[in-house]
Every structure is written in C-alpha cells, then in structure tokens.
Amino acid sequence: MTEHTGTEVASDNFFETAKAHPFGIARMDGEQIVRDPFEVTETDGLNCFGDIPEGEFVHVLEGEPDSLIDAARRAGQAARESDATVDGLFFFDCISRVLYLEDEFERELSAVASDDTPMIGALTIGEIANDGYGHLDYYNKTAVVGAAEEK
C-alpha cells in the first residue's frame, strides 16, 4: 500500500492512512457501502464504524476530495430541486469526511450552501438510510442533504 499512501501502514499511523482509504462492501446493484476502519485491535484485527459481516469481500477505496465535495454539491442541488418550496436545508455529514477533508471541509460546506436558503446540520458518526429496496442500512463517509418547507 506504500505506493498509494507514501508510507508504511502500521498500528501507530493506521488512522491517518485509513481516513483516506475506507473499505467498500459491494452490493448486488454495484453500489459500494463504505465502512471506515479506525483502529487496529490488540489481536491485529480492525475495528470499523459499522459491521462488516464475516467472510465479506471488501475493496480498499481511495478518497479524492474533489469527488466528495462534488457529491455533496449534487446532493444539495437535488434537495433544492424538490417539488416543494424549499425554506431550509438540513445537512448531515459523516465526521470521517471532515477528518479526511481537513481544510477542504469549508469548500464542502460552501458547495452545499445557498445564499438564499438557511442551512443547519450536524456531523455524525454515520448515517442510516433506506437502501431503496425497503431495507435500512448504515453508511459511512456520506453527506446527506434534506429540504424543509415551512408550513
């Protein structure tokens, strides 16, 4: 992994490396469910935010700030294009994105924000969402934007 990280990955630098290289669990439709590894255990295992079923095949993913920021921008745009009047936005961002983006996090906020629409949000450890087939799933490294209409 040295060619991707520029350093040997070890337990003492694991988190620094892992925040840019989460795991992807492939779903039948090709979507990757991301799991953030955050520490090496005493038995040389890994702890992740969210379960990875035993025997599951995972991909080591590589983060790219511009693609994360663009995805957040598109989520904000989609929320503002709803059929209802959009009086405000809710923005929930996985803390692992912030830890990865570091100084670029302000760019992500700006990409989602709109001058004429108030926005409020929170940093989360992960997000729970419907997978589109009626099943709830736990997601890491996601940015979720919702629109609110005043009644």
Foldseek 3Di string as FASTA:
>chain_A
DCVQQVDDADQVCPQVRQLFWWKFFADPVGDTFTWGWHGQDPVRDTDTDDDDDPPTDIDTDGDDLVVLLVQLLVQLVVQCPDPAHFQAKEKEFEVSNCVVCPVCVVVSVVSNDDPRHYYDYYHDNWDWDDPVPRDIDTGHGHMHMHGDDDD
